[in-house]
Structures are given as structure tokens and as C-alpha cells.
Amino acid sequence: MEPAVCLELKSWLSKNGSGFHPDVAFSQVSSGSNIIATNNLPSDSTIVSCPFSLIITVESARNSVVSLLEFSDVPEWSERQWISTYLALHWIVRGRDDITQSKLNELQHMAYLNTLPTPDKLRTPLHFTDPELELFKGSNLYGASVDRKRIWEAEWHACRDALEKSNSKWAQLFTWSDLSWFLNAIVIYAINREMYLTAATYLSSRAFPSSLLSPTPSLTHSTSTTPVLIPGVDSLNHARGQPVSWVVTHPHNHPSPSTTSESLKEPQISLVTHTTTVKGQEIFNNYGPKPNSELILGYGFSIEKNLDDTIVLKFGGPHDKKWEIGRSILGAEDIWRAILSNFTEVEQDPTYEDVLDAAGAFQDMVQSLIDKMPEEDISQVGDVRPEVAVMFQHYIEGQNDILSKLLDYAKAREEEGIEMARQEGIDLVIEDS
């Protein structure tokens, strides 16, 4: 039996001319819900469609928030602030009698929000307990998590201050987070009081780039794309390499892919899977190639031995450059050239001494990162939820694998320096430190 809130979402989409394939259903799982096939589905099945009018964009969120709050001076907010505040206003005004129906009509996404995971089910680092976050100390993810919390909290303060000037009662309800409320399960109602953190997490874990709405849909991010939330289409979980397509259909008096009895009244976007699905099997989306660092920070899950894992390296130098290196260590050559240039005379070919010095510096840099990396074995660490422990192990395995390969690469450059010396008649013996 599908949860009532999921049936409500299906009905809401259907009333707006889109919806889910009749042979798919929501299934409750510990993390929230997923989508399964209730009958065998052939390849190229359209799983779900959403009309453009129900997509949450920065522009639609901004227009609704400005209309609701009647700002005298419209604030200069980020994309995340506009959409997160729009989502939070659904919870703030629910059940209140001091808002007109015309104002309530600005908030049309409660049926969608009711299907999203409650705060106690979110597992991004900003929902970790202190001991859980401390596990990652020494890794890039730890610093990224601390930075994200600082930035998001500053955004929330700015939003709440603007809300205070417009409606002080609503501003009091516009909370950041009080994890103890739902972790201790003292007051169930408090789950609905998680505001900015929850809304911003929904955005980070469910947003698509606006390029997906173009006539030729694409997941490519650029400076011109903005985040959008697509109800229904974002209900499917991620599987690496899953063959799917996003199809944008415009009204031309032909049937909707998901409701064949009616013609389209507006553009809609549909998710099409290109594999057969047997009855009872989960149906997956494909969020694109993402390393575990991004999956954990933005989505709250990880993939074992993720082939898309990367590590961001930042070595000191005049340009303070960063490199993102994957498991294939593609790009290591660029790092090597940058380090070698620091030891080579301008417009001169590197000597064997230059190569050896650069290789030694390269090894020292990588080894220092390895030494700082947290230990993979956390069997003696308490107060860590199992799903967080799994994410930690998946993440650290990937980081260590890349660093180990980089260290081997640096040692291979050292061997090249030794060979250069031998060709000059000099036998060198390099002792491991």
C-alpha cells in the first residue's frame, strides 16, 4: 500500500496533466521512499512527467516570496535563499488563520513537500552528530562541511532578518535547526519546525540544473544555469551509469507521455528509462558522475568503491592552484609539471637533481595528506549511526586509493631521476625515509 502522501502527490500531478506511469508505485524504506515497478516494464518506458508550471525555479520562488512578504525593499538573496525560504513558508503558514486564500495560493507545493524525507532521515554532514562529523577530520569533506554550515547559517540569518521586518510572527517560526527535537523524539510536531537547514538540504539533494528544461535537456552545469526542483521526477534514487533520458515535450495536440487520454496544455519534462524493469524491482534515475564527497555532502549517501571518486589537492605556490584528481589519477602530470617548474631554471631542461628534488617534494606533499587522513577502522568509535559509518568507510577508501596511486606516481618520477643520473654515469641509491 502506497503512503497517503505519495498518493496525494500522484493525484496532484495527474490533475495538472502529468504524473506517474500506472505500473509504478512508491515504496517506503528506512531513508524515506523509492519507486518500484508493480508490473514488468519494457525498455524506453516513461516513468514520470511534470508540467513546467509545477517546477520550482528561482524566479517562481522569488515571485511567491515577494508577494507573500510584501517586501518594501526586495533583498539581494542567493538562489538557495529564495528557494529555501519559499519551501519554509509552506511550513510556517500551515494551519494559520492570519493569511488570506490568495496568499495561500502562492504556496502550491505542499503535496510535493509532504513526500520528502523528514529531518530525522536526512544524512548529510550538516545532520551528523558531533562525533560523526569528527570522524572525517583531516579530510577535505570535513572542511567542506564546516564551510557549508557557516555559509548556510549566515544565509538563514539574512533571510530571518528580512522576514522579521515583514512579519515578526512568521520570523519566530523561521528556525535554522534544533536537531535534539527530533533526535530525542520528544515532540513529533517539531519535525515540521526544521526550516532553513531542511529546505536547503532538499535543494542540494534534489535540484537539477535549469539546462534540463531546454529543448535539448542536459545535466550540464554552467554559470548560466540555476537550480530547479522537479516534483515527481526527483523521486527516483540514483544508480551510477543508469541509462535514462529526460524528454521535454511541448503542446502540439499530441498525447502526454504519461496520460495518453489528454493532449498537453503546457510543456512538461519526462524521465524515460532505457532498461527493462521486472515487477518489484526499484527504478533508478542517474544524477550523473558524482564522487562520494559530493554525494555525501549534498545528498547524504555514498557508493561503495565509487569509480567517480576524486580528491581536491591544493599545493602551496605562487598561484595557489587546485587540482581535482580521480582514481585514474588523470591530471597528475599537470601537478608534476607545476612542482618540477619550481625546481628548474627558467628556459632550462630539468637536471636529474631537479627531478629528484621535485619528486621528493611531491612525495612529501602526498604523504602528508595520507598521514592526515582519518583511520578507516572505526570499530572502537561509539555514537556513530551505521549508515554514517558506511558513508565514512566508502569515502575514506576512495581518498586513500587516489593518494596511494599518486604516491606511486611520484615514486615513479623519482625512478626517472635516478635513471637520468645513471645515464650521466652517476649511481644513486635513494633510501626510503
Protein backbone atom coordinates (compact mmCIF):
# COMPACT_ATOMS: atom_id res chain seq x y z
CA MET A 1 0.00 0.00 0.00
CA GLU A 2 1.45 3.35 -1.01
CA PRO A 3 1.74 6.05 1.68
CA ALA A 4 -1.13 8.52 1.63
CA VAL A 5 1.18 11.48 1.00
CA CYS A 6 2.60 9.74 -2.08
CA LEU A 7 -0.89 9.07 -3.42
CA GLU A 8 -1.62 12.76 -2.88
CA LEU A 9 1.45 13.70 -4.94
CA LYS A 10 0.34 11.37 -7.73
CA SER A 11 -3.14 12.91 -7.73
CA TRP A 12 -1.75 16.45 -7.72
CA LEU A 13 0.48 15.75 -10.73
CA SER A 14 -2.34 13.99 -12.56
CA LYS A 15 -4.71 16.94 -12.06
CA ASN A 16 -2.07 19.11 -13.71
CA GLY A 17 -1.83 16.92 -16.80
CA SER A 18 1.20 14.80 -15.90
CA GLY A 19 2.05 12.08 -13.41
CA PHE A 20 3.49 8.62 -12.94
CA HIS A 21 3.31 5.55 -15.13
CA PRO A 22 0.33 3.41 -13.98
CA ASP A 23 2.64 0.45 -13.30
CA VAL A 24 4.95 2.18 -10.79
CA ALA A 25 4.44 2.86 -7.09
CA PHE A 26 6.11 4.42 -4.08
CA SER A 27 7.58 2.03 -1.52
CA GLN A 28 8.59 3.06 1.99
CA VAL A 29 12.20 2.44 3.02
CA SER A 30 14.23 3.49 6.07
CA SER A 31 15.58 6.59 4.30
CA GLY A 32 12.16 7.69 3.03
CA SER A 33 10.75 6.14 -0.13
CA ASN A 34 11.71 4.78 -3.53
CA ILE A 35 9.94 3.92 -6.78
CA ILE A 36 9.29 0.31 -7.79
CA ALA A 37 7.64 -1.40 -10.75
CA THR A 38 4.29 -3.00 -9.95
CA ASN A 39 4.39 -4.86 -13.28
CA ASN A 40 7.12 -5.65 -15.79
CA LEU A 41 8.14 -2.50 -17.65
CA PRO A 42 9.72 -2.58 -21.10
CA SER A 43 12.73 -0.51 -22.07
CA ASP A 44 12.04 3.14 -23.01
CA SER A 45 9.16 3.46 -20.56
CA THR A 46 8.19 6.96 -19.42
CA ILE A 47 8.22 6.71 -15.64
CA VAL A 48 7.07 10.16 -14.56
CA SER A 49 6.32 13.58 -16.03
CA CYS A 50 5.97 17.04 -14.52
CA PRO A 51 4.47 20.17 -16.13
CA PHE A 52 6.67 23.25 -16.25
CA SER A 53 4.14 25.20 -14.14
CA LEU A 54 4.85 22.94 -11.11
CA ILE A 55 8.65 23.18 -11.35
CA ILE A 56 10.17 25.32 -8.60
CA THR A 57 12.59 27.78 -10.16
CA VAL A 58 14.47 30.67 -8.63
CA GLU A 59 12.14 33.08 -10.43
CA SER A 60 8.91 31.39 -9.30
CA ALA A 61 10.16 31.12 -5.71
CA ARG A 62 11.23 34.76 -5.67
CA ASN A 63 7.90 35.94 -7.06
CA SER A 64 5.93 33.98 -4.47
CA VAL A 65 8.08 35.07 -1.53
CA VAL A 66 7.92 38.73 -2.54
CA SER A 67 4.14 38.51 -2.92
CA LEU A 68 3.69 36.81 0.46
CA LEU A 69 6.01 39.03 2.46
CA GLU A 70 5.37 42.30 0.62
CA PHE A 71 8.95 43.48 1.00
CA SER A 72 9.39 47.23 0.91
CA ASP A 73 12.94 46.58 -0.29
CA VAL A 74 13.44 43.29 -2.09
CA PRO A 75 16.60 41.67 -0.66
CA GLU A 76 19.54 40.56 -2.78
CA TRP A 77 19.42 36.87 -1.94
CA SER A 78 21.14 33.88 -3.46
CA GLU A 79 19.29 31.23 -5.47
CA ARG A 80 19.38 28.95 -2.42
CA GLN A 81 17.90 31.64 -0.15
CA TRP A 82 14.93 32.28 -2.43
CA ILE A 83 14.03 28.64 -2.95
CA SER A 84 14.70 27.59 0.65
CA THR A 85 12.61 30.46 2.03
CA TYR A 86 9.81 29.57 -0.39
CA LEU A 87 9.82 25.97 0.85
CA ALA A 88 9.97 27.04 4.51
CA LEU A 89 6.97 29.33 4.11
CA HIS A 90 4.81 26.28 3.40
CA TRP A 91 5.54 25.02 6.92
CA ILE A 92 5.30 28.46 8.53
CA VAL A 93 1.80 29.31 7.26
CA ARG A 94 0.31 25.82 7.55
CA GLY A 95 -2.82 25.97 9.69
CA ARG A 96 -2.59 29.71 10.32
CA ASP A 97 -5.72 31.84 10.17
CA ASP A 98 -3.93 35.15 9.59
CA ILE A 99 -3.33 34.60 5.87
CA THR A 100 -5.75 35.09 3.00
CA GLN A 101 -6.60 32.43 0.45
CA SER A 102 -4.98 34.49 -2.30
CA LYS A 103 -1.72 34.43 -0.32
CA LEU A 104 -2.04 30.71 0.30
CA ASN A 105 -2.34 30.20 -3.44
CA GLU A 106 1.28 31.35 -3.73
CA LEU A 107 2.28 28.15 -1.90
CA GLN A 108 1.24 25.28 -4.15
CA HIS A 109 3.85 22.64 -3.32
CA MET A 110 2.70 21.13 -0.01
CA ALA A 111 1.69 17.89 -1.74
CA TYR A 112 5.28 17.63 -3.00
CA LEU A 113 6.96 18.61 0.29
CA ASN A 114 4.92 16.08 2.26
CA THR A 115 6.62 13.24 0.35
CA LEU A 116 10.18 14.36 1.09
CA PRO A 117 12.23 12.73 3.90
CA THR A 118 11.65 14.19 7.34
CA PRO A 119 14.68 15.82 9.01
CA ASP A 120 15.41 12.73 11.12
CA LYS A 121 16.03 10.78 7.88
CA LEU A 122 18.47 13.28 6.33
CA ARG A 123 22.11 12.19 6.47
CA THR A 124 24.22 14.97 5.00
CA PRO A 125 27.17 16.11 7.19
CA LEU A 126 25.13 19.06 8.47
CA HIS A 127 22.83 16.46 10.02
CA PHE A 128 25.69 14.49 11.59
CA THR A 129 26.19 14.45 15.34
CA ASP A 130 29.47 15.94 16.60
CA PRO A 131 31.16 12.51 16.98
CA GLU A 132 30.08 11.57 13.46
CA LEU A 133 31.49 14.73 11.92
CA GLU A 134 34.72 14.35 13.90
CA LEU A 135 35.29 11.04 12.09
CA PHE A 136 36.04 12.98 8.91
CA LYS A 137 38.51 15.41 10.48
CA GLY A 138 41.66 15.58 8.39
CA SER A 139 39.80 15.07 5.11
CA ASN A 140 38.56 17.57 2.54
CA LEU A 141 34.97 16.64 3.35
CA TYR A 142 35.34 17.81 6.95
CA GLY A 143 36.44 21.28 5.89
CA ALA A 144 33.77 21.47 3.20
CA SER A 145 31.10 20.55 5.77
CA VAL A 146 32.25 23.20 8.22
CA ASP A 147 32.32 25.81 5.45
CA ARG A 148 28.86 24.85 4.23
CA LYS A 149 27.36 25.13 7.72
CA ARG A 150 28.91 28.58 8.18
CA ILE A 151 27.63 29.81 4.80
CA TRP A 152 24.14 28.38 5.16
CA GLU A 153 23.72 29.72 8.69
CA ALA A 154 24.74 33.20 7.51
CA GLU A 155 22.17 32.92 4.70
CA TRP A 156 19.48 31.88 7.17
CA HIS A 157 20.25 34.83 9.45
CA ALA A 158 19.87 37.22 6.49
CA CYS A 159 16.56 35.61 5.47
CA ARG A 160 15.19 35.67 9.01
CA ASP A 161 16.18 39.32 9.46
CA ALA A 162 14.32 40.25 6.27
CA LEU A 163 11.33 38.19 7.38
CA GLU A 164 11.35 39.92 10.76
CA LYS A 165 10.80 43.29 9.07
CA SER A 166 7.83 41.92 7.15
CA ASN A 167 6.14 39.56 9.64
CA SER A 168 7.69 39.13 13.08
CA LYS A 169 5.38 36.22 14.00
CA TRP A 170 6.47 34.26 10.97
CA ALA A 171 10.10 35.16 11.60
CA GLN A 172 9.93 33.49 15.03
CA LEU A 173 8.94 30.24 13.33
CA PHE A 174 11.69 30.50 10.72
CA THR A 175 14.22 28.33 12.52
CA TRP A 176 17.63 27.08 11.45
CA SER A 177 17.66 23.70 13.16
CA ASP A 178 17.17 22.10 16.53
CA LEU A 179 18.33 18.54 15.98
CA SER A 180 17.63 17.47 19.55
CA TRP A 181 13.90 17.93 18.96
CA PHE A 182 13.62 15.05 16.52
CA LEU A 183 16.69 13.02 17.54
CA ASN A 184 15.20 12.62 21.00
CA ALA A 185 11.69 12.27 19.54
CA ILE A 186 10.27 14.42 22.36
CA VAL A 187 7.87 16.43 20.23
CA ILE A 188 6.89 14.92 16.89
CA TYR A 189 5.43 18.24 15.74
CA ALA A 190 8.90 19.74 15.97
CA ILE A 191 9.93 17.87 12.81
CA ASN A 192 7.87 20.42 10.93
CA ARG A 193 9.78 23.23 12.60
CA GLU A 194 13.08 22.41 10.90
CA MET A 195 13.25 25.21 8.40
CA TYR A 196 16.26 26.56 6.55
CA LEU A 197 18.58 23.59 7.03
CA THR A 198 15.92 21.14 5.87
CA ALA A 199 14.86 23.26 2.89
CA ALA A 200 18.44 23.89 1.79
CA THR A 201 19.20 20.17 2.10
CA TYR A 202 16.21 19.34 -0.10
CA LEU A 203 17.64 21.73 -2.67
CA SER A 204 21.17 20.30 -2.51
CA SER A 205 19.93 16.71 -2.76
CA ARG A 206 17.14 17.08 -5.32
CA ALA A 207 17.90 20.04 -7.57
CA PHE A 208 18.52 19.69 -11.29
CA PRO A 209 20.22 22.37 -13.41
CA SER A 210 17.84 24.59 -15.35
CA SER A 211 19.52 23.34 -18.54
CA LEU A 212 17.31 20.25 -18.12
CA LEU A 213 14.34 22.40 -19.18
CA SER A 214 15.85 23.38 -22.53
CA PRO A 215 14.60 21.86 -25.83
CA THR A 216 17.66 19.59 -25.66
CA PRO A 217 17.78 18.66 -21.95
CA SER A 218 21.20 18.38 -20.34
CA LEU A 219 22.62 17.85 -16.85
CA THR A 220 25.50 20.20 -17.65
CA HIS A 221 26.02 22.93 -15.09
CA SER A 222 27.35 26.32 -16.13
CA THR A 223 27.42 29.90 -14.89
CA SER A 224 24.11 30.47 -16.66
CA THR A 225 22.22 27.53 -15.10
CA THR A 226 20.20 27.79 -11.91
CA PRO A 227 18.83 25.06 -9.61
CA VAL A 228 15.28 23.81 -10.15
CA LEU A 229 13.14 21.32 -8.22
CA ILE A 230 11.02 18.99 -10.35
CA PRO A 231 8.29 17.28 -8.30
CA GLY A 232 7.88 13.60 -9.05
CA VAL A 233 10.88 13.41 -11.37
CA ASP A 234 13.16 13.77 -8.33
CA SER A 235 11.51 10.82 -6.55
CA LEU A 236 13.82 8.19 -8.04
CA ASN A 237 17.08 7.24 -6.35
CA HIS A 238 20.47 7.35 -8.06
CA ALA A 239 22.28 4.48 -9.76
CA ARG A 240 25.65 5.10 -11.38
CA GLY A 241 25.54 4.66 -15.15
CA GLN A 242 21.79 4.04 -15.27
CA PRO A 243 20.66 4.69 -18.87
CA VAL A 244 17.90 7.31 -18.71
CA SER A 245 16.74 10.27 -20.76
CA TRP A 246 14.96 13.48 -19.88
CA VAL A 247 12.47 14.46 -22.53
CA VAL A 248 10.91 17.91 -22.85
CA THR A 249 7.57 17.85 -24.66
CA HIS A 250 5.71 20.92 -25.92
CA PRO A 251 1.99 21.16 -26.75
CA HIS A 252 1.35 20.10 -30.34
CA ASN A 253 -2.02 18.41 -29.90
CA HIS A 254 -0.40 15.05 -29.22
CA PRO A 255 -0.85 12.90 -26.11
CA SER A 256 1.09 13.33 -22.90
CA PRO A 257 3.63 10.50 -22.41
CA SER A 258 2.10 9.61 -19.03
CA THR A 259 -1.59 10.39 -19.60
CA THR A 260 -2.43 9.28 -23.10
CA SER A 261 -6.07 10.35 -22.93
CA GLU A 262 -5.37 14.07 -22.84
CA SER A 263 -3.43 16.46 -25.01
CA LEU A 264 -0.72 18.58 -23.45
CA LYS A 265 -1.76 22.02 -22.31
CA GLU A 266 1.78 23.17 -21.43
CA PRO A 267 5.37 21.96 -21.72
CA GLN A 268 6.41 19.11 -19.47
CA ILE A 269 9.54 17.16 -18.68
CA SER A 270 9.56 13.36 -18.50
CA LEU A 271 12.01 10.77 -17.23
CA VAL A 272 12.43 7.76 -19.54
CA THR A 273 14.34 4.62 -18.56
CA HIS A 274 16.18 2.58 -21.18
CA THR A 275 16.33 -0.78 -19.42
CA THR A 276 13.64 -3.36 -18.79
CA THR A 277 12.38 -3.47 -15.22
CA VAL A 278 10.84 -6.55 -13.65
CA LYS A 279 7.92 -6.44 -11.24
CA GLY A 280 9.03 -5.46 -7.72
CA GLN A 281 12.35 -4.01 -8.86
CA GLU A 282 13.38 -0.47 -7.93
CA ILE A 283 13.51 2.04 -10.79
CA PHE A 284 16.52 4.34 -10.73
CA ASN A 285 17.47 7.74 -12.05
CA ASN A 286 21.01 8.78 -12.93
CA TYR A 287 22.26 12.01 -11.34
CA GLY A 288 25.41 11.96 -13.46
CA PRO A 289 29.01 11.08 -12.47
CA LYS A 290 29.49 12.22 -8.86
CA PRO A 291 32.25 11.40 -6.35
CA ASN A 292 31.36 10.24 -2.86
CA SER A 293 32.43 13.61 -1.48
CA GLU A 294 29.63 15.27 -3.45
CA LEU A 295 27.12 12.50 -2.78
CA ILE A 296 27.70 12.65 0.98
CA LEU A 297 27.84 16.44 1.28
CA GLY A 298 24.87 17.17 -0.96
CA TYR A 299 22.74 14.02 -0.87
CA GLY A 300 23.55 12.04 2.28
CA PHE A 301 24.55 8.71 0.73
CA SER A 302 27.60 7.08 -0.85
CA ILE A 303 28.58 4.37 -3.32
CA GLU A 304 30.98 1.54 -2.48
CA LYS A 305 34.22 1.76 -4.50
CA ASN A 306 32.80 4.68 -6.45
CA LEU A 307 34.69 4.89 -9.76
CA ASP A 308 33.86 8.62 -9.93
CA ASP A 309 35.67 9.41 -6.66
CA THR A 310 38.05 12.37 -6.69
CA ILE A 311 40.25 14.27 -4.27
CA VAL A 312 40.96 18.00 -4.45
CA LEU A 313 44.62 18.84 -3.93
CA LYS A 314 45.94 22.28 -3.09
CA PHE A 315 49.70 22.70 -3.01
CA GLY A 316 51.38 25.92 -1.99
CA GLY A 317 52.77 28.10 -4.75
CA PRO A 318 52.52 31.49 -6.41
CA HIS A 319 49.14 30.70 -7.98
CA ASP A 320 47.68 28.65 -5.10
CA LYS A 321 46.19 26.28 -7.72
CA LYS A 322 43.82 23.41 -7.01
CA TRP A 323 43.68 20.09 -8.83
CA GLU A 324 40.85 17.56 -8.78
CA ILE A 325 42.26 14.06 -9.30
CA GLY A 326 40.25 10.86 -9.79
CA ARG A 327 41.04 7.19 -9.32
CA SER A 328 42.75 7.03 -12.72
CA ILE A 329 44.96 9.93 -11.47
CA LEU A 330 44.32 11.73 -14.73
CA GLY A 331 45.82 15.18 -14.22
CA ALA A 332 48.74 14.02 -12.08
CA GLU A 333 51.03 15.03 -14.95
CA ASP A 334 49.86 18.63 -14.59
CA ILE A 335 50.68 18.60 -10.89
CA TRP A 336 54.07 17.10 -11.63
CA ARG A 337 54.93 19.77 -14.20
CA ALA A 338 53.90 22.52 -11.79
CA ILE A 339 56.06 21.11 -8.98
CA LEU A 340 59.01 20.44 -11.30
CA SER A 341 58.90 24.01 -12.59
CA ASN A 342 59.63 25.23 -9.06
CA PHE A 343 62.96 23.36 -9.14
CA THR A 344 64.01 24.07 -12.74
CA GLU A 345 65.85 27.11 -14.04
CA VAL A 346 63.78 29.23 -16.41
CA GLU A 347 64.09 28.08 -20.03
CA GLN A 348 66.34 25.22 -18.98
CA ASP A 349 65.71 21.49 -19.21
CA PRO A 350 65.41 19.85 -15.77
CA THR A 351 68.52 18.12 -14.47
CA TYR A 352 68.40 14.85 -12.60
CA GLU A 353 68.84 16.85 -9.39
CA ASP A 354 65.77 18.93 -10.33
CA VAL A 355 63.74 15.79 -11.00
CA LEU A 356 64.82 14.14 -7.75
CA ASP A 357 64.13 17.26 -5.70
CA ALA A 358 60.71 17.72 -7.29
CA ALA A 359 59.85 14.03 -6.87
CA GLY A 360 60.85 14.20 -3.22
CA ALA A 361 58.68 17.29 -2.68
CA PHE A 362 55.79 15.61 -4.48
CA GLN A 363 56.09 12.52 -2.28
CA ASP A 364 56.29 14.63 0.87
CA MET A 365 53.14 16.53 -0.09
CA VAL A 366 51.16 13.37 -0.80
CA GLN A 367 52.49 11.56 2.27
CA SER A 368 51.46 14.47 4.48
CA LEU A 369 47.91 14.14 3.17
CA ILE A 370 47.97 10.39 3.78
CA ASP A 371 49.18 10.97 7.34
CA LYS A 372 46.34 13.43 8.00
CA MET A 373 43.65 11.15 6.59
CA PRO A 374 41.40 9.57 9.26
CA GLU A 375 41.86 5.89 10.06
CA GLU A 376 39.46 3.62 8.18
CA ASP A 377 38.90 1.38 11.21
CA ILE A 378 36.26 2.98 13.43
CA SER A 379 35.30 -0.15 15.32
CA GLN A 380 36.29 1.49 18.61
CA VAL A 381 34.36 4.70 17.93
CA GLY A 382 30.94 4.91 19.57
CA ASP A 383 27.87 7.05 18.92
CA VAL A 384 28.03 6.67 15.14
CA ARG A 385 24.94 5.60 13.24
CA PRO A 386 25.52 2.62 10.91
CA GLU A 387 24.63 4.49 7.73
CA VAL A 388 27.10 7.27 8.61
CA ALA A 389 29.81 4.69 9.29
CA VAL A 390 29.21 3.17 5.85
CA MET A 391 29.49 6.58 4.15
CA PHE A 392 32.70 7.27 6.07
CA GLN A 393 34.29 4.00 5.00
CA HIS A 394 33.26 4.42 1.36
CA TYR A 395 34.67 7.96 1.32
CA ILE A 396 37.97 7.22 3.07
CA GLU A 397 38.59 4.15 0.88
CA GLY A 398 38.34 6.32 -2.23
CA GLN A 399 40.57 9.07 -0.84
CA ASN A 400 43.24 6.60 0.25
CA ASP A 401 43.14 4.80 -3.09
CA ILE A 402 43.77 8.02 -5.03
CA LEU A 403 46.51 9.20 -2.66
CA SER A 404 48.22 5.79 -2.81
CA LYS A 405 48.25 5.94 -6.61
CA LEU A 406 49.59 9.50 -6.52
CA LEU A 407 52.38 8.40 -4.19
CA ASP A 408 53.29 5.60 -6.61
CA TYR A 409 53.28 8.15 -9.43
CA ALA A 410 55.66 10.43 -7.52
CA LYS A 411 57.97 7.48 -6.79
CA ALA A 412 57.97 6.63 -10.49
CA ARG A 413 59.16 10.19 -11.22
CA GLU A 414 61.95 9.62 -8.68
CA GLU A 415 63.00 6.48 -10.57
CA GLU A 416 63.17 8.58 -13.72
CA GLY A 417 65.54 10.96 -11.96
CA ILE A 418 67.73 8.05 -10.83
CA GLU A 419 67.84 6.75 -14.41
CA MET A 420 68.82 10.21 -15.69
CA ALA A 421 71.73 10.20 -13.22
CA ARG A 422 72.82 6.73 -14.34
CA GLN A 423 72.90 7.86 -17.93
CA GLU A 424 75.35 10.53 -16.79
CA GLY A 425 77.48 7.88 -15.11
CA ILE A 426 76.24 8.56 -11.58
CA ASP A 427 74.89 5.67 -9.49
CA LEU A 428 72.42 6.82 -6.86
CA VAL A 429 70.85 4.89 -4.02
CA ILE A 430 67.71 6.52 -2.59
CA GLU A 431 66.85 5.36 0.89
CA ASP A 432 63.22 5.39 1.99
CA SER A 433 62.64 7.76 4.86
